[in-house]
């Protein structure tokens, strides 16, 4: 009986080890892909400095519009 249990246990542990190794390799590969996607997104899209500059530009325009509206109301 013991002679049958030992090989079955070794086979089961070997199978679990192989499955764990494959799963780990797949997770590692997906992690690499995600890193490359993040790098591509960072290279292609707008930077934080450009966003800040654009927001300042919009703010300047809104201030000009507000002053024009204030001048219209003050004339009446």
PDB file of N, CA and C in Angstrom:
ATOM      1  N   UNK A   1       0.831  -1.200   0.000  1.00  0.00           N
ATOM      2  CA  UNK A   1       0.000   0.000   0.000  1.00  0.00           C
ATOM      3  C   UNK A   1       0.868   1.253   0.000  1.00  0.00           C
ATOM      4  N   UNK A   2       1.907   1.239   0.832  1.00  0.00           N
ATOM      5  CA  UNK A   2       2.817   2.376   0.921  1.00  0.00           C
ATOM      6  C   UNK A   2       3.558   2.583  -0.396  1.00  0.00           C
ATOM      7  N   UNK A   3       3.823   1.461  -1.099  1.00  0.00           N
ATOM      8  CA  UNK A   3       4.525   1.558  -2.371  1.00  0.00           C
ATOM      9  C   UNK A   3       3.706   2.310  -3.411  1.00  0.00           C
ATOM     10  N   UNK A   4       2.397   2.288  -3.319  1.00  0.00           N
ATOM     11  CA  UNK A   4       1.530   2.976  -4.275  1.00  0.00           C
ATOM     12  C   UNK A   4       1.343   4.451  -3.890  1.00  0.00           C
ATOM     13  N   UNK A   5       1.334   4.741  -2.613  1.00  0.00           N
ATOM     14  CA  UNK A   5       1.081   6.113  -2.149  1.00  0.00           C
ATOM     15  C   UNK A   5       2.260   7.033  -2.457  1.00  0.00           C
ATOM     16  N   UNK A   6       3.472   6.552  -2.278  1.00  0.00           N
ATOM     17  CA  UNK A   6       4.659   7.381  -2.493  1.00  0.00           C
ATOM     18  C   UNK A   6       4.758   7.859  -3.945  1.00  0.00           C
ATOM     19  N   UNK A   7       4.654   7.007  -4.945  1.00  0.00           N
ATOM     20  CA  UNK A   7       4.738   7.508  -6.334  1.00  0.00           C
ATOM     21  C   UNK A   7       3.587   8.447  -6.704  1.00  0.00           C
ATOM     22  N   UNK A   8       2.402   8.148  -6.181  1.00  0.00           N
ATOM     23  CA  UNK A   8       1.253   9.017  -6.471  1.00  0.00           C
ATOM     24  C   UNK A   8       1.471  10.397  -5.861  1.00  0.00           C
ATOM     25  N   UNK A   9       1.982  10.434  -4.645  1.00  0.00           N
ATOM     26  CA  UNK A   9       2.258  11.708  -3.977  1.00  0.00           C
ATOM     27  C   UNK A   9       3.341  12.488  -4.720  1.00  0.00           C
ATOM     28  N   UNK A  10       4.389  11.798  -5.133  1.00  0.00           N
ATOM     29  CA  UNK A  10       5.460  12.459  -5.890  1.00  0.00           C
ATOM     30  C   UNK A  10       4.932  12.991  -7.217  1.00  0.00           C
ATOM     31  N   UNK A  11       4.107  12.215  -7.891  1.00  0.00           N
ATOM     32  CA  UNK A  11       3.527  12.649  -9.166  1.00  0.00           C
ATOM     33  C   UNK A  11       2.614  13.862  -8.970  1.00  0.00           C
ATOM     34  N   UNK A  12       1.815  13.825  -7.904  1.00  0.00           N
ATOM     35  CA  UNK A  12       0.903  14.943  -7.632  1.00  0.00           C
ATOM     36  C   UNK A  12       1.691  16.216  -7.309  1.00  0.00           C
ATOM     37  N   UNK A  13       2.724  16.094  -6.499  1.00  0.00           N
ATOM     38  CA  UNK A  13       3.538  17.262  -6.158  1.00  0.00           C
ATOM     39  C   UNK A  13       4.285  17.789  -7.377  1.00  0.00           C
ATOM     40  N   UNK A  14       4.757  16.894  -8.224  1.00  0.00           N
ATOM     41  CA  UNK A  14       5.426  17.323  -9.458  1.00  0.00           C
ATOM     42  C   UNK A  14       4.458  18.060 -10.372  1.00  0.00           C
ATOM     43  N   UNK A  15       3.264  17.538 -10.494  1.00  0.00           N
ATOM     44  CA  UNK A  15       2.236  18.189 -11.316  1.00  0.00           C
ATOM     45  C   UNK A  15       1.877  19.559 -10.786  1.00  0.00           C
ATOM     46  N   UNK A  16       1.733  19.671  -9.477  1.00  0.00           N
ATOM     47  CA  UNK A  16       1.435  20.978  -8.885  1.00  0.00           C
ATOM     48  C   UNK A  16       2.596  21.947  -9.098  1.00  0.00           C
ATOM     49  N   UNK A  17       3.801  21.449  -9.002  1.00  0.00           N
ATOM     50  CA  UNK A  17       4.972  22.302  -9.232  1.00  0.00           C
ATOM     51  C   UNK A  17       5.024  22.820 -10.655  1.00  0.00           C
ATOM     52  N   UNK A  18       4.740  21.956 -11.613  1.00  0.00           N
ATOM     53  CA  UNK A  18       4.735  22.360 -13.018  1.00  0.00           C
ATOM     54  C   UNK A  18       3.639  23.388 -13.265  1.00  0.00           C
ATOM     55  N   UNK A  19       2.459  23.150 -12.721  1.00  0.00           N
ATOM     56  CA  UNK A  19       1.352  24.099 -12.911  1.00  0.00           C
ATOM     57  C   UNK A  19       1.689  25.441 -12.281  1.00  0.00           C
ATOM     58  N   UNK A  20       2.282  25.428 -11.093  1.00  0.00           N
ATOM     59  CA  UNK A  20       2.665  26.673 -10.432  1.00  0.00           C
ATOM     60  C   UNK A  20       3.712  27.411 -11.255  1.00  0.00           C
ATOM     61  N   UNK A  21       4.669  26.682 -11.805  1.00  0.00           N
ATOM     62  CA  UNK A  21       5.719  27.296 -12.608  1.00  0.00           C
ATOM     63  C   UNK A  21       5.136  27.940 -13.867  1.00  0.00           C
ATOM     64  N   UNK A  22       4.236  27.256 -14.545  1.00  0.00           N
ATOM     65  CA  UNK A  22       3.614  27.803 -15.751  1.00  0.00           C
ATOM     66  C   UNK A  22       2.777  29.039 -15.423  1.00  0.00           C
ATOM     67  N   UNK A  23       2.022  28.962 -14.334  1.00  0.00           N
ATOM     68  CA  UNK A  23       1.196  30.099 -13.931  1.00  0.00           C
ATOM     69  C   UNK A  23       2.075  31.294 -13.594  1.00  0.00           C
ATOM     70  N   UNK A  24       3.150  31.030 -12.886  1.00  0.00           N
ATOM     71  CA  UNK A  24       4.074  32.110 -12.535  1.00  0.00           C
ATOM     72  C   UNK A  24       4.698  32.730 -13.777  1.00  0.00           C
ATOM     73  N   UNK A  25       5.062  31.923 -14.753  1.00  0.00           N
ATOM     74  CA  UNK A  25       5.642  32.431 -15.994  1.00  0.00           C
ATOM     75  C   UNK A  25       4.643  33.282 -16.767  1.00  0.00           C
ATOM     76  N   UNK A  26       3.391  32.850 -16.789  1.00  0.00           N
ATOM     77  CA  UNK A  26       2.365  33.621 -17.488  1.00  0.00           C
ATOM     78  C   UNK A  26       2.116  34.960 -16.804  1.00  0.00           C
ATOM     79  N   UNK A  27       2.081  34.944 -15.491  1.00  0.00           N
ATOM     80  CA  UNK A  27       1.887  36.193 -14.754  1.00  0.00           C
ATOM     81  C   UNK A  27       3.053  37.140 -15.022  1.00  0.00           C
ATOM     82  N   UNK A  28       4.255  36.600 -15.038  1.00  0.00           N
ATOM     83  CA  UNK A  28       5.430  37.421 -15.309  1.00  0.00           C
ATOM     84  C   UNK A  28       5.360  38.018 -16.713  1.00  0.00           C
ATOM     85  N   UNK A  29       4.928  37.228 -17.696  1.00  0.00           N
ATOM     86  CA  UNK A  29       4.814  37.719 -19.068  1.00  0.00           C
ATOM     87  C   UNK A  29       3.759  38.818 -19.171  1.00  0.00           C
ATOM     88  N   UNK A  30       2.626  38.629 -18.506  1.00  0.00           N
ATOM     89  CA  UNK A  30       1.587  39.658 -18.519  1.00  0.00           C
ATOM     90  C   UNK A  30       2.076  40.934 -17.832  1.00  0.00           C
ATOM     91  N   UNK A  31       2.849  40.781 -16.801  1.00  0.00           N
ATOM     92  CA  UNK A  31       3.409  41.938 -16.108  1.00  0.00           C
ATOM     93  C   UNK A  31       4.330  42.731 -17.037  1.00  0.00           C
ATOM     94  N   UNK A  32       5.143  42.020 -17.821  1.00  0.00           N
ATOM     95  CA  UNK A  32       6.016  42.687 -18.788  1.00  0.00           C
ATOM     96  C   UNK A  32       5.195  43.438 -19.830  1.00  0.00           C
ATOM     97  N   UNK A  33       4.127  42.814 -20.297  1.00  0.00           N
ATOM     98  CA  UNK A  33       3.272  43.464 -21.301  1.00  0.00           C
ATOM     99  C   UNK A  33       2.632  44.730 -20.744  1.00  0.00           C
ATOM    100  N   UNK A  34       2.165  44.664 -19.504  1.00  0.00           N
ATOM    101  CA  UNK A  34       1.561  45.843 -18.890  1.00  0.00           C
ATOM    102  C   UNK A  34       2.580  46.972 -18.751  1.00  0.00           C
ATOM    103  N   UNK A  35       3.801  46.626 -18.391  1.00  0.00           N
ATOM    104  CA  UNK A  35       4.846  47.638 -18.293  1.00  0.00           C
ATOM    105  C   UNK A  35       5.111  48.296 -19.637  1.00  0.00           C
ATOM    106  N   UNK A  36       5.122  47.517 -20.699  1.00  0.00           N
ATOM    107  CA  UNK A  36       5.367  48.096 -22.024  1.00  0.00           C
ATOM    108  C   UNK A  36       4.203  48.984 -22.452  1.00  0.00           C
ATOM    109  N   UNK A  37       2.987  48.603 -22.098  1.00  0.00           N
ATOM    110  CA  UNK A  37       1.822  49.431 -22.424  1.00  0.00           C
ATOM    111  C   UNK A  37       1.901  50.754 -21.663  1.00  0.00           C
ATOM    112  N   UNK A  38       2.265  50.699 -20.391  1.00  0.00           N
ATOM    113  CA  UNK A  38       2.395  51.926 -19.608  1.00  0.00           C
ATOM    114  C   UNK A  38       3.448  52.843 -20.221  1.00  0.00           C
ATOM    115  N   UNK A  39       4.543  52.278 -20.684  1.00  0.00           N
ATOM    116  CA  UNK A  39       5.600  53.074 -21.298  1.00  0.00           C
ATOM    117  C   UNK A  39       5.110  53.716 -22.586  1.00  0.00           C
ATOM    118  N   UNK A  40       4.376  52.970 -23.400  1.00  0.00           N
ATOM    119  CA  UNK A  40       3.853  53.529 -24.650  1.00  0.00           C
ATOM    120  C   UNK A  40       2.871  54.660 -24.370  1.00  0.00           C
ATOM    121  N   UNK A  41       2.022  54.488 -23.367  1.00  0.00           N
ATOM    122  CA  UNK A  41       1.060  55.535 -23.016  1.00  0.00           C
ATOM    123  C   UNK A  41       1.803  56.781 -22.542  1.00  0.00           C
ATOM    124  N   UNK A  42       2.820  56.592 -21.729  1.00  0.00           N
ATOM    125  CA  UNK A  42       3.583  57.734 -21.220  1.00  0.00           C
ATOM    126  C   UNK A  42       4.323  58.454 -22.342  1.00  0.00           C
ATOM    127  N   UNK A  43       4.755  57.740 -23.346  1.00  0.00           N
ATOM    128  CA  UNK A  43       5.478  58.364 -24.450  1.00  0.00           C
ATOM    129  C   UNK A  43       4.548  59.095 -25.408  1.00  0.00           C
ATOM    130  N   UNK A  44       3.368  58.591 -25.619  1.00  0.00           N
ATOM    131  CA  UNK A  44       2.485  59.140 -26.644  1.00  0.00           C
ATOM    132  C   UNK A  44       1.635  60.301 -26.167  1.00  0.00           C
ATOM    133  N   UNK A  45       1.192  60.280 -24.941  1.00  0.00           N
ATOM    134  CA  UNK A  45       0.200  61.251 -24.510  1.00  0.00           C
ATOM    135  C   UNK A  45       0.833  62.442 -23.816  1.00  0.00           C
ATOM    136  N   UNK A  46       0.025  63.391 -23.476  1.00  0.00           N
ATOM    137  CA  UNK A  46       0.456  64.682 -22.960  1.00  0.00           C
ATOM    138  C   UNK A  46       1.101  64.548 -21.578  1.00  0.00           C
ATOM    139  N   UNK A  47       2.083  65.394 -21.328  1.00  0.00           N
ATOM    140  CA  UNK A  47       2.769  65.364 -20.037  1.00  0.00           C
ATOM    141  C   UNK A  47       2.057  66.266 -19.042  1.00  0.00           C
ATOM    142  N   UNK A  48       2.420  66.135 -17.798  1.00  0.00           N
ATOM    143  CA  UNK A  48       1.814  66.942 -16.738  1.00  0.00           C
ATOM    144  C   UNK A  48       2.138  68.424 -16.944  1.00  0.00           C
ATOM    145  N   UNK A  49       3.346  68.725 -17.383  1.00  0.00           N
ATOM    146  CA  UNK A  49       3.727  70.125 -17.610  1.00  0.00           C
ATOM    147  C   UNK A  49       2.883  70.738 -18.728  1.00  0.00           C
ATOM    148  N   UNK A  50       2.618  69.962 -19.769  1.00  0.00           N
ATOM    149  CA  UNK A  50       1.784  70.473 -20.864  1.00  0.00           C
ATOM    150  C   UNK A  50       0.355  70.706 -20.400  1.00  0.00           C
ATOM    151  N   UNK A  51      -0.154  69.845 -19.551  1.00  0.00           N
ATOM    152  CA  UNK A  51      -1.509  70.030 -19.017  1.00  0.00           C
ATOM    153  C   UNK A  51      -1.560  71.305 -18.180  1.00  0.00           C
ATOM    154  N   UNK A  52      -0.550  71.513 -17.344  1.00  0.00           N
ATOM    155  CA  UNK A  52      -0.509  72.711 -16.507  1.00  0.00           C
ATOM    156  C   UNK A  52      -0.459  73.966 -17.370  1.00  0.00           C
ATOM    157  N   UNK A  53       0.344  73.942 -18.414  1.00  0.00           N
ATOM    158  CA  UNK A  53       0.444  75.089 -19.308  1.00  0.00           C
ATOM    159  C   UNK A  53      -0.890  75.354 -20.003  1.00  0.00           C
ATOM    160  N   UNK A  54      -1.550  74.317 -20.453  1.00  0.00           N
ATOM    161  CA  UNK A  54      -2.850  74.481 -21.110  1.00  0.00           C
ATOM    162  C   UNK A  54      -3.890  75.034 -20.147  1.00  0.00           C
ATOM    163  N   UNK A  55      -3.872  74.558 -18.915  1.00  0.00           N
ATOM    164  CA  UNK A  55      -4.836  75.055 -17.928  1.00  0.00           C
ATOM    165  C   UNK A  55      -4.592  76.533 -17.622  1.00  0.00           C
ATOM    166  N   UNK A  56      -3.354  76.950 -17.553  1.00  0.00           N
ATOM    167  CA  UNK A  56      -3.044  78.373 -17.337  1.00  0.00           C
ATOM    168  C   UNK A  56      -3.549  79.201 -18.506  1.00  0.00           C
ATOM    169  N   UNK A  57      -3.392  78.675 -19.711  1.00  0.00           N
ATOM    170  CA  UNK A  57      -3.868  79.363 -20.914  1.00  0.00           C
ATOM    171  C   UNK A  57      -5.388  79.542 -20.866  1.00  0.00           C
ATOM    172  N   UNK A  58      -6.102  78.481 -20.498  1.00  0.00           N
ATOM    173  CA  UNK A  58      -7.556  78.571 -20.367  1.00  0.00           C
ATOM    174  C   UNK A  58      -7.939  79.564 -19.280  1.00  0.00           C
ATOM    175  N   UNK A  59      -7.236  79.536 -18.184  1.00  0.00           N
ATOM    176  CA  UNK A  59      -7.548  80.442 -17.082  1.00  0.00           C
ATOM    177  C   UNK A  59      -7.388  81.903 -17.512  1.00  0.00           C
ATOM    178  N   UNK A  60      -6.336  82.194 -18.271  1.00  0.00           N
ATOM    179  CA  UNK A  60      -6.140  83.556 -18.768  1.00  0.00           C
ATOM    180  C   UNK A  60      -7.301  83.985 -19.661  1.00  0.00           C
ATOM    181  N   UNK A  61      -7.767  83.081 -20.501  1.00  0.00           N
ATOM    182  CA  UNK A  61      -8.902  83.409 -21.365  1.00  0.00           C
ATOM    183  C   UNK A  61     -10.172  83.628 -20.551  1.00  0.00           C
ATOM    184  N   UNK A  62     -10.400  82.812 -19.537  1.00  0.00           N
ATOM    185  CA  UNK A  62     -11.590  82.984 -18.704  1.00  0.00           C
ATOM    186  C   UNK A  62     -11.540  84.297 -17.944  1.00  0.00           C
ATOM    187  N   UNK A  63     -10.372  84.696 -17.495  1.00  0.00           N
ATOM    188  CA  UNK A  63     -10.246  85.973 -16.795  1.00  0.00           C
ATOM    189  C   UNK A  63     -10.585  87.118 -17.742  1.00  0.00           C
ATOM    190  N   UNK A  64     -10.113  87.021 -18.986  1.00  0.00           N
ATOM    191  CA  UNK A  64     -10.448  88.057 -19.973  1.00  0.00           C
ATOM    192  C   UNK A  64     -11.948  88.106 -20.230  1.00  0.00           C
ATOM    193  N   UNK A  65     -12.575  86.933 -20.356  1.00  0.00           N
ATOM    194  CA  UNK A  65     -14.026  86.886 -20.597  1.00  0.00           C
ATOM    195  C   UNK A  65     -14.779  87.465 -19.402  1.00  0.00           C
ATOM    196  N   UNK A  66     -14.351  87.127 -18.194  1.00  0.00           N
ATOM    197  CA  UNK A  66     -15.004  87.663 -16.993  1.00  0.00           C
ATOM    198  C   UNK A  66     -14.885  89.174 -16.932  1.00  0.00           C
ATOM    199  N   UNK A  67     -13.731  89.694 -17.281  1.00  0.00           N
ATOM    200  CA  UNK A  67     -13.562  91.152 -17.236  1.00  0.00           C
ATOM    201  C   UNK A  67     -14.440  91.824 -18.282  1.00  0.00           C
ATOM    202  N   UNK A  68     -14.588  91.226 -19.444  1.00  0.00           N
ATOM    203  CA  UNK A  68     -15.463  91.792 -20.471  1.00  0.00           C
ATOM    204  C   UNK A  68     -16.922  91.781 -20.011  1.00  0.00           C
ATOM    205  N   UNK A  69     -17.325  90.688 -19.392  1.00  0.00           N
ATOM    206  CA  UNK A  69     -18.713  90.621 -18.878  1.00  0.00           C
ATOM    207  C   UNK A  69     -18.916  91.637 -17.776  1.00  0.00           C
ATOM    208  N   UNK A  70     -17.933  91.803 -16.898  1.00  0.00           N
ATOM    209  CA  UNK A  70     -18.041  92.809 -15.834  1.00  0.00           C
ATOM    210  C   UNK A  70     -18.143  94.218 -16.425  1.00  0.00           C
ATOM    211  N   UNK A  71     -17.378  94.493 -17.470  1.00  0.00           N
ATOM    212  CA  UNK A  71     -17.451  95.802 -18.116  1.00  0.00           C
ATOM    213  C   UNK A  71     -18.818  96.034 -18.744  1.00  0.00           C
ATOM    214  N   UNK A  72     -19.410  95.024 -19.317  1.00  0.00           N
ATOM    215  CA  UNK A  72     -20.746  95.168 -19.894  1.00  0.00           C
ATOM    216  C   UNK A  72     -21.786  95.498 -18.837  1.00  0.00           C
ATOM    217  N   UNK A  73     -21.702  94.836 -17.690  1.00  0.00           N
ATOM    218  CA  UNK A  73     -22.664  95.085 -16.612  1.00  0.00           C
ATOM    219  C   UNK A  73     -22.426  96.434 -15.941  1.00  0.00           C
ATOM    220  N   UNK A  74     -21.197  96.882 -15.901  1.00  0.00           N
ATOM    221  CA  UNK A  74     -20.887  98.171 -15.271  1.00  0.00           C
ATOM    222  C   UNK A  74     -21.321  99.349 -16.129  1.00  0.00           C
ATOM    223  N   UNK A  75     -21.419  99.163 -17.431  1.00  0.00           N
ATOM    224  CA  UNK A  75     -21.838 100.228 -18.329  1.00  0.00           C
ATOM    225  C   UNK A  75     -23.321 100.550 -18.156  1.00  0.00           C
ATOM    226  N   UNK A  76     -24.100  99.574 -17.776  1.00  0.00           N
ATOM    227  CA  UNK A  76     -25.558  99.782 -17.676  1.00  0.00           C
ATOM    228  C   UNK A  76     -25.883 100.481 -16.439  1.00  0.00           C
TER     229      UNK A  76
END
